[in-house]
Amino acid sequence: MRGGARVALVRQVAMYLAHVALGRSLTEVAALYGRHRTTAAHACEIVEDLREHAAFDRAIAELEHAIRLQVRQPSDAGSN
């Protein structure tokens, strides 16, 4: 079972963030989620369209920022 509309939206947001915040190609994103490249591209288009809504845009922007901060952190922080 693939889940309902909310599950699909969460997956689309995750695909979008993997592409935008992590810089993964649409081909890589599709492979990560077991989908076709065009499905990953469609997911990104949906999220981009939803970003026209201010509250949604703020939430996505905060997620992007948090992801980018985590990616910049060295995995061995605190060790010499």
PDB file of N, CA and C in Angstrom:
ATOM      1  N   MET A   1       0.844  -1.175   0.000  1.00  0.00           N
ATOM      2  CA  MET A   1       0.000   0.000   0.000  1.00  0.00           C
ATOM      3  C   MET A   1       0.896   1.246   0.000  1.00  0.00           C
ATOM      4  N   ARG A   2       0.559   2.217  -0.815  1.00  0.00           N
ATOM      5  CA  ARG A   2       1.383   3.415  -0.961  1.00  0.00           C
ATOM      6  C   ARG A   2       1.000   4.508   0.022  1.00  0.00           C
ATOM      7  N   GLY A   3      -0.154   4.434   0.643  1.00  0.00           N
ATOM      8  CA  GLY A   3      -0.546   5.462   1.599  1.00  0.00           C
ATOM      9  C   GLY A   3      -1.469   6.481   0.978  1.00  0.00           C
ATOM     10  N   GLY A   4      -1.957   7.362   1.823  1.00  0.00           N
ATOM     11  CA  GLY A   4      -2.899   8.377   1.386  1.00  0.00           C
ATOM     12  C   GLY A   4      -2.222   9.641   0.895  1.00  0.00           C
ATOM     13  N   ALA A   5      -3.039  10.661   0.715  1.00  0.00           N
ATOM     14  CA  ALA A   5      -2.547  11.935   0.185  1.00  0.00           C
ATOM     15  C   ALA A   5      -1.510  12.574   1.101  1.00  0.00           C
ATOM     16  N   ARG A   6      -1.718  12.476   2.414  1.00  0.00           N
ATOM     17  CA  ARG A   6      -0.742  13.068   3.346  1.00  0.00           C
ATOM     18  C   ARG A   6       0.600  12.364   3.264  1.00  0.00           C
ATOM     19  N   VAL A   7       0.571  11.049   3.164  1.00  0.00           N
ATOM     20  CA  VAL A   7       1.810  10.286   3.041  1.00  0.00           C
ATOM     21  C   VAL A   7       2.512  10.666   1.742  1.00  0.00           C
ATOM     22  N   ALA A   8       1.736  10.815   0.688  1.00  0.00           N
ATOM     23  CA  ALA A   8       2.318  11.200  -0.603  1.00  0.00           C
ATOM     24  C   ALA A   8       2.964  12.580  -0.510  1.00  0.00           C
ATOM     25  N   LEU A   9       2.311  13.518   0.159  1.00  0.00           N
ATOM     26  CA  LEU A   9       2.868  14.861   0.293  1.00  0.00           C
ATOM     27  C   LEU A   9       4.164  14.833   1.097  1.00  0.00           C
ATOM     28  N   VAL A  10       4.192  14.062   2.159  1.00  0.00           N
ATOM     29  CA  VAL A  10       5.423  13.953   2.955  1.00  0.00           C
ATOM     30  C   VAL A  10       6.550  13.391   2.096  1.00  0.00           C
ATOM     31  N   ARG A  11       6.257  12.381   1.296  1.00  0.00           N
ATOM     32  CA  ARG A  11       7.268  11.795   0.410  1.00  0.00           C
ATOM     33  C   ARG A  11       7.720  12.829  -0.629  1.00  0.00           C
ATOM     34  N   GLN A  12       6.785  13.606  -1.166  1.00  0.00           N
ATOM     35  CA  GLN A  12       7.133  14.629  -2.146  1.00  0.00           C
ATOM     36  C   GLN A  12       8.030  15.695  -1.529  1.00  0.00           C
ATOM     37  N   VAL A  13       7.719  16.101  -0.307  1.00  0.00           N
ATOM     38  CA  VAL A  13       8.562  17.079   0.381  1.00  0.00           C
ATOM     39  C   VAL A  13       9.954  16.490   0.616  1.00  0.00           C
ATOM     40  N   ALA A  14      10.020  15.246   1.025  1.00  0.00           N
ATOM     41  CA  ALA A  14      11.317  14.603   1.252  1.00  0.00           C
ATOM     42  C   ALA A  14      12.121  14.541  -0.043  1.00  0.00           C
ATOM     43  N   MET A  15      11.468  14.215  -1.147  1.00  0.00           N
ATOM     44  CA  MET A  15      12.153  14.192  -2.438  1.00  0.00           C
ATOM     45  C   MET A  15      12.655  15.586  -2.799  1.00  0.00           C
ATOM     46  N   TYR A  16      11.815  16.570  -2.603  1.00  0.00           N
ATOM     47  CA  TYR A  16      12.178  17.958  -2.893  1.00  0.00           C
ATOM     48  C   TYR A  16      13.399  18.379  -2.074  1.00  0.00           C
ATOM     49  N   LEU A  17      13.369  18.088  -0.783  1.00  0.00           N
ATOM     50  CA  LEU A  17      14.483  18.473   0.089  1.00  0.00           C
ATOM     51  C   LEU A  17      15.767  17.729  -0.272  1.00  0.00           C
ATOM     52  N   ALA A  18      15.639  16.474  -0.647  1.00  0.00           N
ATOM     53  CA  ALA A  18      16.829  15.725  -1.073  1.00  0.00           C
ATOM     54  C   ALA A  18      17.430  16.375  -2.313  1.00  0.00           C
ATOM     55  N   HIS A  19      16.579  16.847  -3.197  1.00  0.00           N
ATOM     56  CA  HIS A  19      17.045  17.478  -4.427  1.00  0.00           C
ATOM     57  C   HIS A  19      17.597  18.880  -4.167  1.00  0.00           C
ATOM     58  N   VAL A  20      16.827  19.708  -3.456  1.00  0.00           N
ATOM     59  CA  VAL A  20      17.180  21.118  -3.286  1.00  0.00           C
ATOM     60  C   VAL A  20      18.207  21.328  -2.172  1.00  0.00           C
ATOM     61  N   ALA A  21      17.951  20.769  -1.001  1.00  0.00           N
ATOM     62  CA  ALA A  21      18.827  21.024   0.145  1.00  0.00           C
ATOM     63  C   ALA A  21      20.095  20.178   0.113  1.00  0.00           C
ATOM     64  N   LEU A  22      19.981  18.967  -0.407  1.00  0.00           N
ATOM     65  CA  LEU A  22      21.141  18.077  -0.430  1.00  0.00           C
ATOM     66  C   LEU A  22      21.836  18.037  -1.781  1.00  0.00           C
ATOM     67  N   GLY A  23      21.214  18.641  -2.785  1.00  0.00           N
ATOM     68  CA  GLY A  23      21.838  18.701  -4.102  1.00  0.00           C
ATOM     69  C   GLY A  23      21.864  17.394  -4.860  1.00  0.00           C
ATOM     70  N   ARG A  24      21.011  16.478  -4.491  1.00  0.00           N
ATOM     71  CA  ARG A  24      20.941  15.197  -5.214  1.00  0.00           C
ATOM     72  C   ARG A  24      20.250  15.398  -6.555  1.00  0.00           C
ATOM     73  N   SER A  25      20.687  14.680  -7.552  1.00  0.00           N
ATOM     74  CA  SER A  25      20.028  14.763  -8.858  1.00  0.00           C
ATOM     75  C   SER A  25      18.648  14.110  -8.762  1.00  0.00           C
ATOM     76  N   LEU A  26      17.785  14.447  -9.700  1.00  0.00           N
ATOM     77  CA  LEU A  26      16.456  13.831  -9.707  1.00  0.00           C
ATOM     78  C   LEU A  26      16.556  12.317  -9.907  1.00  0.00           C
ATOM     79  N   THR A  27      17.544  11.888 -10.653  1.00  0.00           N
ATOM     80  CA  THR A  27      17.758  10.448 -10.853  1.00  0.00           C
ATOM     81  C   THR A  27      18.123   9.781  -9.532  1.00  0.00           C
ATOM     82  N   GLU A  28      19.009  10.419  -8.758  1.00  0.00           N
ATOM     83  CA  GLU A  28      19.395   9.884  -7.446  1.00  0.00           C
ATOM     84  C   GLU A  28      18.202   9.865  -6.492  1.00  0.00           C
ATOM     85  N   VAL A  29      17.450  10.954  -6.473  1.00  0.00           N
ATOM     86  CA  VAL A  29      16.283  11.047  -5.593  1.00  0.00           C
ATOM     87  C   VAL A  29      15.283   9.942  -5.945  1.00  0.00           C
ATOM     88  N   ALA A  30      15.023   9.784  -7.211  1.00  0.00           N
ATOM     89  CA  ALA A  30      14.082   8.745  -7.643  1.00  0.00           C
ATOM     90  C   ALA A  30      14.542   7.363  -7.180  1.00  0.00           C
ATOM     91  N   ALA A  31      15.819   7.085  -7.326  1.00  0.00           N
ATOM     92  CA  ALA A  31      16.346   5.784  -6.906  1.00  0.00           C
ATOM     93  C   ALA A  31      16.213   5.597  -5.394  1.00  0.00           C
ATOM     94  N   LEU A  32      16.467   6.656  -4.632  1.00  0.00           N
ATOM     95  CA  LEU A  32      16.352   6.572  -3.176  1.00  0.00           C
ATOM     96  C   LEU A  32      14.943   6.207  -2.731  1.00  0.00           C
ATOM     97  N   TYR A  33      13.951   6.670  -3.477  1.00  0.00           N
ATOM     98  CA  TYR A  33      12.556   6.449  -3.106  1.00  0.00           C
ATOM     99  C   TYR A  33      11.863   5.377  -3.935  1.00  0.00           C
ATOM    100  N   GLY A  34      12.624   4.693  -4.759  1.00  0.00           N
ATOM    101  CA  GLY A  34      12.049   3.616  -5.557  1.00  0.00           C
ATOM    102  C   GLY A  34      11.007   4.105  -6.553  1.00  0.00           C
ATOM    103  N   ARG A  35      11.273   5.284  -7.120  1.00  0.00           N
ATOM    104  CA  ARG A  35      10.349   5.890  -8.068  1.00  0.00           C
ATOM    105  C   ARG A  35      11.089   6.196  -9.363  1.00  0.00           C
ATOM    106  N   HIS A  36      10.340   6.560 -10.368  1.00  0.00           N
ATOM    107  CA  HIS A  36      10.907   6.967 -11.652  1.00  0.00           C
ATOM    108  C   HIS A  36      11.361   8.419 -11.563  1.00  0.00           C
ATOM    109  N   ARG A  37      12.333   8.793 -12.366  1.00  0.00           N
ATOM    110  CA  ARG A  37      12.855  10.156 -12.365  1.00  0.00           C
ATOM    111  C   ARG A  37      11.756  11.186 -12.599  1.00  0.00           C
ATOM    112  N   THR A  38      10.825  10.890 -13.482  1.00  0.00           N
ATOM    113  CA  THR A  38       9.744  11.844 -13.758  1.00  0.00           C
ATOM    114  C   THR A  38       8.835  12.020 -12.546  1.00  0.00           C
ATOM    115  N   THR A  39       8.716  11.001 -11.724  1.00  0.00           N
ATOM    116  CA  THR A  39       7.928  11.110 -10.496  1.00  0.00           C
ATOM    117  C   THR A  39       8.619  12.043  -9.505  1.00  0.00           C
ATOM    118  N   ALA A  40       9.934  11.928  -9.402  1.00  0.00           N
ATOM    119  CA  ALA A  40      10.689  12.825  -8.528  1.00  0.00           C
ATOM    120  C   ALA A  40      10.579  14.264  -9.031  1.00  0.00           C
ATOM    121  N   ALA A  41      10.654  14.458 -10.331  1.00  0.00           N
ATOM    122  CA  ALA A  41      10.520  15.795 -10.904  1.00  0.00           C
ATOM    123  C   ALA A  41       9.129  16.356 -10.622  1.00  0.00           C
ATOM    124  N   HIS A  42       8.120  15.523 -10.768  1.00  0.00           N
ATOM    125  CA  HIS A  42       6.740  15.945 -10.489  1.00  0.00           C
ATOM    126  C   HIS A  42       6.586  16.323  -9.015  1.00  0.00           C
ATOM    127  N   ALA A  43       7.189  15.562  -8.127  1.00  0.00           N
ATOM    128  CA  ALA A  43       7.139  15.860  -6.694  1.00  0.00           C
ATOM    129  C   ALA A  43       7.721  17.242  -6.425  1.00  0.00           C
ATOM    130  N   CYS A  44       8.842  17.547  -7.047  1.00  0.00           N
ATOM    131  CA  CYS A  44       9.476  18.859  -6.860  1.00  0.00           C
ATOM    132  C   CYS A  44       8.586  19.970  -7.398  1.00  0.00           C
ATOM    133  N   GLU A  45       7.931  19.732  -8.506  1.00  0.00           N
ATOM    134  CA  GLU A  45       7.007  20.728  -9.069  1.00  0.00           C
ATOM    135  C   GLU A  45       5.845  20.989  -8.122  1.00  0.00           C
ATOM    136  N   ILE A  46       5.308  19.935  -7.528  1.00  0.00           N
ATOM    137  CA  ILE A  46       4.192  20.079  -6.587  1.00  0.00           C
ATOM    138  C   ILE A  46       4.615  20.930  -5.396  1.00  0.00           C
ATOM    139  N   VAL A  47       5.783  20.619  -4.833  1.00  0.00           N
ATOM    140  CA  VAL A  47       6.263  21.372  -3.670  1.00  0.00           C
ATOM    141  C   VAL A  47       6.528  22.826  -4.061  1.00  0.00           C
ATOM    142  N   GLU A  48       7.131  23.049  -5.219  1.00  0.00           N
ATOM    143  CA  GLU A  48       7.364  24.429  -5.671  1.00  0.00           C
ATOM    144  C   GLU A  48       6.045  25.192  -5.769  1.00  0.00           C
ATOM    145  N   ASP A  49       5.019  24.560  -6.300  1.00  0.00           N
ATOM    146  CA  ASP A  49       3.705  25.209  -6.406  1.00  0.00           C
ATOM    147  C   ASP A  49       3.132  25.517  -5.025  1.00  0.00           C
ATOM    148  N   LEU A  50       3.301  24.582  -4.094  1.00  0.00           N
ATOM    149  CA  LEU A  50       2.772  24.782  -2.740  1.00  0.00           C
ATOM    150  C   LEU A  50       3.515  25.878  -1.989  1.00  0.00           C
ATOM    151  N   ARG A  51       4.732  26.169  -2.411  1.00  0.00           N
ATOM    152  CA  ARG A  51       5.512  27.212  -1.740  1.00  0.00           C
ATOM    153  C   ARG A  51       4.925  28.603  -1.960  1.00  0.00           C
ATOM    154  N   GLU A  52       3.924  28.715  -2.815  1.00  0.00           N
ATOM    155  CA  GLU A  52       3.224  29.986  -2.995  1.00  0.00           C
ATOM    156  C   GLU A  52       2.418  30.344  -1.745  1.00  0.00           C
ATOM    157  N   HIS A  53       2.138  29.350  -0.910  1.00  0.00           N
ATOM    158  CA  HIS A  53       1.425  29.567   0.350  1.00  0.00           C
ATOM    159  C   HIS A  53       2.466  29.904   1.423  1.00  0.00           C
ATOM    160  N   ALA A  54       2.310  31.058   2.044  1.00  0.00           N
ATOM    161  CA  ALA A  54       3.329  31.595   2.956  1.00  0.00           C
ATOM    162  C   ALA A  54       3.703  30.632   4.079  1.00  0.00           C
ATOM    163  N   ALA A  55       2.725  30.048   4.729  1.00  0.00           N
ATOM    164  CA  ALA A  55       3.020  29.154   5.858  1.00  0.00           C
ATOM    165  C   ALA A  55       3.790  27.920   5.397  1.00  0.00           C
ATOM    166  N   PHE A  56       3.389  27.359   4.279  1.00  0.00           N
ATOM    167  CA  PHE A  56       4.080  26.186   3.731  1.00  0.00           C
ATOM    168  C   PHE A  56       5.504  26.574   3.337  1.00  0.00           C
ATOM    169  N   ASP A  57       5.654  27.726   2.693  1.00  0.00           N
ATOM    170  CA  ASP A  57       6.967  28.196   2.274  1.00  0.00           C
ATOM    171  C   ASP A  57       7.901  28.360   3.471  1.00  0.00           C
ATOM    172  N   ARG A  58       7.384  28.954   4.560  1.00  0.00           N
ATOM    173  CA  ARG A  58       8.212  29.125   5.770  1.00  0.00           C
ATOM    174  C   ARG A  58       8.654  27.772   6.320  1.00  0.00           C
ATOM    175  N   ALA A  59       7.737  26.821   6.361  1.00  0.00           N
ATOM    176  CA  ALA A  59       8.068  25.497   6.898  1.00  0.00           C
ATOM    177  C   ALA A  59       9.148  24.820   6.050  1.00  0.00           C
ATOM    178  N   ILE A  60       9.010  24.892   4.738  1.00  0.00           N
ATOM    179  CA  ILE A  60      10.003  24.276   3.854  1.00  0.00           C
ATOM    180  C   ILE A  60      11.344  24.993   3.978  1.00  0.00           C
ATOM    181  N   ALA A  61      11.307  26.313   4.058  1.00  0.00           N
ATOM    182  CA  ALA A  61      12.553  27.076   4.212  1.00  0.00           C
ATOM    183  C   ALA A  61      13.269  26.689   5.505  1.00  0.00           C
ATOM    184  N   GLU A  62      12.522  26.504   6.581  1.00  0.00           N
ATOM    185  CA  GLU A  62      13.133  26.096   7.852  1.00  0.00           C
ATOM    186  C   GLU A  62      13.729  24.696   7.747  1.00  0.00           C
ATOM    187  N   LEU A  63      13.032  23.800   7.077  1.00  0.00           N
ATOM    188  CA  LEU A  63      13.565  22.448   6.884  1.00  0.00           C
ATOM    189  C   LEU A  63      14.839  22.479   6.043  1.00  0.00           C
ATOM    190  N   GLU A  64      14.825  23.249   4.965  1.00  0.00           N
ATOM    191  CA  GLU A  64      16.029  23.386   4.127  1.00  0.00           C
ATOM    192  C   GLU A  64      17.208  23.887   4.951  1.00  0.00           C
ATOM    193  N   HIS A  65      16.958  24.903   5.743  1.00  0.00           N
ATOM    194  CA  HIS A  65      18.019  25.487   6.576  1.00  0.00           C
ATOM    195  C   HIS A  65      18.562  24.452   7.572  1.00  0.00           C
ATOM    196  N   ALA A  66      17.674  23.743   8.228  1.00  0.00           N
ATOM    197  CA  ALA A  66      18.094  22.729   9.206  1.00  0.00           C
ATOM    198  C   ALA A  66      18.911  21.625   8.540  1.00  0.00           C
ATOM    199  N   ILE A  67      18.487  21.200   7.375  1.00  0.00           N
ATOM    200  CA  ILE A  67      19.217  20.154   6.656  1.00  0.00           C
ATOM    201  C   ILE A  67      20.602  20.652   6.269  1.00  0.00           C
ATOM    202  N   ARG A  68      20.661  21.849   5.736  1.00  0.00           N
ATOM    203  CA  ARG A  68      21.964  22.393   5.319  1.00  0.00           C
ATOM    204  C   ARG A  68      22.909  22.554   6.504  1.00  0.00           C
ATOM    205  N   LEU A  69      22.380  22.945   7.654  1.00  0.00           N
ATOM    206  CA  LEU A  69      23.225  23.043   8.854  1.00  0.00           C
ATOM    207  C   LEU A  69      23.772  21.685   9.245  1.00  0.00           C
ATOM    208  N   GLN A  70      22.941  20.673   9.197  1.00  0.00           N
ATOM    209  CA  GLN A  70      23.371  19.328   9.567  1.00  0.00           C
ATOM    210  C   GLN A  70      24.401  18.782   8.597  1.00  0.00           C
ATOM    211  N   VAL A  71      24.239  19.063   7.342  1.00  0.00           N
ATOM    212  CA  VAL A  71      25.167  18.561   6.323  1.00  0.00           C
ATOM    213  C   VAL A  71      26.534  19.214   6.492  1.00  0.00           C
ATOM    214  N   ARG A  72      26.566  20.459   6.913  1.00  0.00           N
ATOM    215  CA  ARG A  72      27.842  21.162   7.093  1.00  0.00           C
ATOM    216  C   ARG A  72      28.586  20.722   8.335  1.00  0.00           C
ATOM    217  N   GLN A  73      27.905  20.088   9.286  1.00  0.00           N
ATOM    218  CA  GLN A  73      28.540  19.657  10.521  1.00  0.00           C
ATOM    219  C   GLN A  73      29.477  18.492  10.240  1.00  0.00           C
ATOM    220  N   PRO A  74      30.717  18.557  10.699  1.00  0.00           N
ATOM    221  CA  PRO A  74      31.611  17.415  10.522  1.00  0.00           C
ATOM    222  C   PRO A  74      31.120  16.234  11.349  1.00  0.00           C
ATOM    223  N   SER A  75      31.238  15.043  10.790  1.00  0.00           N
ATOM    224  CA  SER A  75      30.739  13.849  11.468  1.00  0.00           C
ATOM    225  C   SER A  75      31.525  13.528  12.741  1.00  0.00           C
ATOM    226  N   ASP A  76      32.753  14.018  12.800  1.00  0.00           N
ATOM    227  CA  ASP A  76      33.586  13.748  13.980  1.00  0.00           C
ATOM    228  C   ASP A  76      33.765  15.024  14.821  1.00  0.00           C
ATOM    229  N   ALA A  77      32.712  15.815  14.951  1.00  0.00           N
ATOM    230  CA  ALA A  77      32.785  17.071  15.710  1.00  0.00           C
ATOM    231  C   ALA A  77      33.255  16.797  17.133  1.00  0.00           C
ATOM    232  N   GLY A  78      34.162  17.632  17.596  1.00  0.00           N
ATOM    233  CA  GLY A  78      34.659  17.516  18.952  1.00  0.00           C
ATOM    234  C   GLY A  78      35.881  16.648  19.103  1.00  0.00           C
ATOM    235  N   SER A  79      36.237  15.900  18.070  1.00  0.00           N
ATOM    236  CA  SER A  79      37.444  15.078  18.196  1.00  0.00           C
ATOM    237  C   SER A  79      38.599  15.766  17.472  1.00  0.00           C
ATOM    238  N   ASN A  80      39.791  15.517  17.937  1.00  0.00           N
ATOM    239  CA  ASN A  80      40.986  16.129  17.329  1.00  0.00           C
ATOM    240  C   ASN A  80      41.740  15.145  16.500  1.00  0.00           C
TER     241      ASN A  80
END
